[in-house]
Amino acid sequence: MQTTTATPVRVPWGITRMRPYPNTYQPGYATAELDHVSQTTVFRDTRGGVVEMGKHGTSKGTETQPQSTNQDSRNDTDHDQDSEQD
């Protein structure tokens, strides 16, 4: 009968230095739930009161398509981008 010895697993050096990320962000609410009527999220504090999360604007972006401006008919990288936000 042959006996086997477990080979220790080598852990990469970087993993031995890892630590959990600290909590840097504390949300201003305790729970979030879906309002079935309006299909929006309702945020509540620890007492169950509704927390106003502020208004969110809308944005619209446009981009022109690259046009062939050279003799070999390949598209160049010259194109425009524009955005509007309210």
N, C-alpha and C. Protein backbone atom coordinates (compact mmCIF):
# COMPACT_ATOMS: atom_id res chain seq x y z
N MET A 1 0.85 -1.18 0.00
CA MET A 1 0.00 0.00 0.00
C MET A 1 0.89 1.24 0.00
N GLN A 2 0.56 2.17 -0.86
CA GLN A 2 1.36 3.39 -1.01
C GLN A 2 0.67 4.54 -0.29
N THR A 3 1.40 5.28 0.48
CA THR A 3 0.85 6.45 1.16
C THR A 3 1.21 7.69 0.38
N THR A 4 0.28 8.62 0.32
CA THR A 4 0.53 9.88 -0.39
C THR A 4 0.53 11.02 0.61
N THR A 5 1.35 11.97 0.34
CA THR A 5 1.42 13.17 1.17
C THR A 5 0.87 14.33 0.37
N ALA A 6 -0.02 15.09 0.97
CA ALA A 6 -0.60 16.24 0.29
C ALA A 6 0.47 17.30 0.05
N THR A 7 0.52 17.79 -1.17
CA THR A 7 1.46 18.84 -1.51
C THR A 7 0.84 20.18 -1.14
N PRO A 8 1.54 21.00 -0.36
CA PRO A 8 0.96 22.30 0.00
C PRO A 8 0.77 23.18 -1.25
N VAL A 9 -0.32 23.89 -1.27
CA VAL A 9 -0.64 24.78 -2.39
C VAL A 9 0.06 26.11 -2.14
N ARG A 10 0.78 26.57 -3.15
CA ARG A 10 1.43 27.88 -3.03
C ARG A 10 0.44 28.97 -3.41
N VAL A 11 0.30 29.93 -2.54
CA VAL A 11 -0.60 31.05 -2.76
C VAL A 11 0.21 32.19 -3.36
N PRO A 12 -0.29 32.82 -4.43
CA PRO A 12 0.43 33.96 -5.00
C PRO A 12 0.67 35.05 -3.96
N TRP A 13 1.82 35.70 -4.06
CA TRP A 13 2.23 36.70 -3.09
C TRP A 13 1.19 37.81 -2.93
N GLY A 14 0.58 38.27 -4.02
CA GLY A 14 -0.36 39.38 -3.95
C GLY A 14 -1.59 39.06 -3.13
N ILE A 15 -2.03 37.82 -3.16
CA ILE A 15 -3.23 37.44 -2.40
C ILE A 15 -2.97 37.52 -0.91
N THR A 16 -1.75 37.25 -0.47
CA THR A 16 -1.46 37.31 0.96
C THR A 16 -1.53 38.75 1.48
N ARG A 17 -1.47 39.72 0.61
CA ARG A 17 -1.51 41.12 1.02
C ARG A 17 -2.90 41.73 0.92
N MET A 18 -3.87 41.01 0.39
CA MET A 18 -5.22 41.56 0.18
C MET A 18 -5.98 41.69 1.49
N ARG A 19 -6.74 42.73 1.60
CA ARG A 19 -7.62 42.97 2.74
C ARG A 19 -8.97 43.40 2.19
N PRO A 20 -10.06 43.24 2.97
CA PRO A 20 -11.37 43.70 2.48
C PRO A 20 -11.36 45.22 2.27
N TYR A 21 -12.12 45.67 1.27
CA TYR A 21 -12.26 47.10 1.04
C TYR A 21 -13.02 47.74 2.20
N PRO A 22 -12.61 48.91 2.64
CA PRO A 22 -13.36 49.59 3.71
C PRO A 22 -14.66 50.15 3.16
N ASN A 23 -15.64 50.28 4.03
CA ASN A 23 -16.90 50.91 3.64
C ASN A 23 -16.67 52.41 3.55
N THR A 24 -16.75 52.96 2.36
CA THR A 24 -16.54 54.39 2.20
C THR A 24 -17.82 55.13 1.87
N TYR A 25 -18.86 54.40 1.50
CA TYR A 25 -20.11 55.04 1.11
C TYR A 25 -21.22 54.57 2.02
N GLN A 26 -21.89 55.50 2.64
CA GLN A 26 -23.04 55.19 3.49
C GLN A 26 -24.28 55.74 2.80
N PRO A 27 -25.16 54.87 2.29
CA PRO A 27 -26.35 55.38 1.61
C PRO A 27 -27.26 56.12 2.59
N GLY A 28 -28.02 57.03 2.07
CA GLY A 28 -28.93 57.82 2.89
C GLY A 28 -30.26 57.14 3.11
N TYR A 29 -30.33 55.83 2.88
CA TYR A 29 -31.57 55.10 3.07
C TYR A 29 -31.26 53.73 3.65
N ALA A 30 -32.30 53.09 4.23
CA ALA A 30 -32.12 51.76 4.81
C ALA A 30 -32.65 50.67 3.89
N THR A 31 -33.76 50.94 3.20
CA THR A 31 -34.35 49.94 2.29
C THR A 31 -34.78 50.62 1.00
N ALA A 32 -34.90 49.83 -0.03
CA ALA A 32 -35.42 50.30 -1.31
C ALA A 32 -36.45 49.28 -1.78
N GLU A 33 -37.61 49.76 -2.20
CA GLU A 33 -38.67 48.86 -2.66
C GLU A 33 -39.34 49.46 -3.88
N LEU A 34 -40.00 48.62 -4.63
CA LEU A 34 -40.68 49.05 -5.85
C LEU A 34 -42.12 49.43 -5.56
N ASP A 35 -42.52 50.64 -5.99
CA ASP A 35 -43.91 51.06 -5.92
C ASP A 35 -44.61 50.46 -7.13
N HIS A 36 -45.55 49.54 -6.89
CA HIS A 36 -46.19 48.81 -7.99
C HIS A 36 -47.05 49.70 -8.88
N VAL A 37 -47.55 50.79 -8.36
CA VAL A 37 -48.40 51.67 -9.16
C VAL A 37 -47.57 52.51 -10.12
N SER A 38 -46.55 53.20 -9.60
CA SER A 38 -45.77 54.11 -10.44
C SER A 38 -44.55 53.44 -11.06
N GLN A 39 -44.23 52.20 -10.65
CA GLN A 39 -43.06 51.47 -11.15
C GLN A 39 -41.77 52.24 -10.92
N THR A 40 -41.69 52.91 -9.77
CA THR A 40 -40.47 53.62 -9.38
C THR A 40 -39.99 53.08 -8.04
N THR A 41 -38.76 53.35 -7.73
CA THR A 41 -38.19 52.88 -6.47
C THR A 41 -38.52 53.87 -5.37
N VAL A 42 -38.93 53.35 -4.21
CA VAL A 42 -39.19 54.16 -3.03
C VAL A 42 -38.11 53.81 -2.01
N PHE A 43 -37.38 54.83 -1.56
CA PHE A 43 -36.32 54.64 -0.58
C PHE A 43 -36.86 55.02 0.78
N ARG A 44 -36.57 54.20 1.79
CA ARG A 44 -37.08 54.44 3.15
C ARG A 44 -35.92 54.46 4.14
N ASP A 45 -36.07 55.31 5.19
CA ASP A 45 -35.06 55.36 6.24
C ASP A 45 -35.31 54.25 7.25
N THR A 46 -34.55 54.23 8.34
CA THR A 46 -34.67 53.16 9.33
C THR A 46 -36.01 53.17 10.06
N ARG A 47 -36.70 54.29 10.05
CA ARG A 47 -38.02 54.39 10.70
C ARG A 47 -39.17 54.09 9.74
N GLY A 48 -38.85 53.86 8.46
CA GLY A 48 -39.89 53.56 7.48
C GLY A 48 -40.36 54.78 6.71
N GLY A 49 -39.81 55.94 7.01
CA GLY A 49 -40.19 57.16 6.30
C GLY A 49 -39.57 57.21 4.91
N VAL A 50 -40.27 57.86 3.99
CA VAL A 50 -39.79 57.99 2.61
C VAL A 50 -38.64 58.99 2.56
N VAL A 51 -37.56 58.63 1.89
CA VAL A 51 -36.41 59.51 1.72
C VAL A 51 -36.43 60.04 0.30
N GLU A 52 -36.40 61.36 0.13
CA GLU A 52 -36.37 61.98 -1.20
C GLU A 52 -34.96 61.86 -1.74
N MET A 53 -34.82 61.27 -2.91
CA MET A 53 -33.50 61.05 -3.49
C MET A 53 -33.12 62.11 -4.51
N GLY A 54 -33.92 63.12 -4.68
CA GLY A 54 -33.59 64.18 -5.62
C GLY A 54 -34.11 63.88 -7.01
N LYS A 55 -34.01 64.84 -7.86
CA LYS A 55 -34.49 64.70 -9.23
C LYS A 55 -33.35 64.33 -10.15
N HIS A 56 -33.67 63.58 -11.16
CA HIS A 56 -32.68 63.19 -12.16
C HIS A 56 -33.07 63.79 -13.50
N GLY A 57 -32.11 64.36 -14.17
CA GLY A 57 -32.36 64.95 -15.48
C GLY A 57 -32.28 63.90 -16.58
N THR A 58 -32.47 64.36 -17.77
CA THR A 58 -32.35 63.49 -18.92
C THR A 58 -31.23 64.02 -19.81
N SER A 59 -30.70 63.15 -20.61
CA SER A 59 -29.66 63.59 -21.53
C SER A 59 -29.87 62.92 -22.88
N LYS A 60 -29.35 63.58 -23.91
CA LYS A 60 -29.47 63.06 -25.26
C LYS A 60 -28.13 63.30 -25.94
N GLY A 61 -27.61 62.27 -26.59
CA GLY A 61 -26.34 62.41 -27.27
C GLY A 61 -26.47 62.13 -28.76
N THR A 62 -25.69 62.83 -29.55
CA THR A 62 -25.67 62.59 -30.99
C THR A 62 -24.23 62.43 -31.43
N GLU A 63 -24.03 61.68 -32.49
CA GLU A 63 -22.69 61.48 -33.02
C GLU A 63 -22.80 61.34 -34.53
N THR A 64 -21.94 62.05 -35.23
CA THR A 64 -21.93 61.93 -36.69
C THR A 64 -21.14 60.71 -37.09
N GLN A 65 -21.54 60.09 -38.17
CA GLN A 65 -20.84 58.91 -38.67
C GLN A 65 -19.54 59.33 -39.35
N PRO A 66 -18.50 58.52 -39.18
CA PRO A 66 -17.24 58.84 -39.87
C PRO A 66 -17.44 58.83 -41.38
N GLN A 67 -16.82 59.74 -42.06
CA GLN A 67 -16.92 59.81 -43.51
C GLN A 67 -15.56 59.54 -44.13
N SER A 68 -15.60 58.97 -45.30
CA SER A 68 -14.35 58.68 -46.00
C SER A 68 -13.81 59.96 -46.61
N THR A 69 -12.63 60.36 -46.16
CA THR A 69 -12.03 61.59 -46.68
C THR A 69 -10.68 61.34 -47.31
N ASN A 70 -10.31 60.08 -47.44
CA ASN A 70 -8.99 59.80 -48.00
C ASN A 70 -9.14 58.99 -49.29
N GLN A 71 -8.08 58.81 -49.98
CA GLN A 71 -8.12 58.18 -51.30
C GLN A 71 -8.31 56.67 -51.26
N ASP A 72 -7.96 56.01 -50.16
CA ASP A 72 -8.08 54.55 -50.14
C ASP A 72 -9.44 54.08 -49.64
N SER A 73 -10.40 54.97 -49.45
CA SER A 73 -11.79 54.67 -49.09
C SER A 73 -11.96 54.05 -47.70
N ARG A 74 -10.99 54.15 -46.87
CA ARG A 74 -11.15 53.68 -45.49
C ARG A 74 -11.65 54.83 -44.63
N ASN A 75 -12.51 54.52 -43.67
CA ASN A 75 -13.04 55.55 -42.80
C ASN A 75 -11.93 56.12 -41.93
N ASP A 76 -11.95 57.42 -41.77
CA ASP A 76 -11.01 58.02 -40.85
C ASP A 76 -11.66 58.13 -39.47
N THR A 77 -10.92 58.60 -38.52
CA THR A 77 -11.44 58.66 -37.15
C THR A 77 -12.00 60.03 -36.81
N ASP A 78 -12.18 60.89 -37.78
CA ASP A 78 -12.66 62.24 -37.53
C ASP A 78 -14.19 62.26 -37.56
N HIS A 79 -14.80 62.37 -36.38
CA HIS A 79 -16.25 62.51 -36.30
C HIS A 79 -16.58 63.36 -35.08
N ASP A 80 -17.80 63.88 -35.03
CA ASP A 80 -18.20 64.81 -33.98
C ASP A 80 -19.14 64.12 -32.99
N GLN A 81 -19.08 64.57 -31.74
CA GLN A 81 -20.00 64.12 -30.71
C GLN A 81 -20.60 65.35 -30.04
N ASP A 82 -21.87 65.22 -29.63
CA ASP A 82 -22.56 66.33 -29.01
C ASP A 82 -23.51 65.76 -27.97
N SER A 83 -23.78 66.51 -26.92
CA SER A 83 -24.75 66.04 -25.92
C SER A 83 -25.51 67.21 -25.34
N GLU A 84 -26.74 66.94 -24.92
CA GLU A 84 -27.60 67.93 -24.26
C GLU A 84 -28.07 67.32 -22.96
N GLN A 85 -28.14 68.13 -21.92
CA GLN A 85 -28.62 67.62 -20.63
C GLN A 85 -29.47 68.69 -19.98
N ASP A 86 -30.58 68.24 -19.35
CA ASP A 86 -31.43 69.18 -18.62
C ASP A 86 -31.64 68.71 -17.21
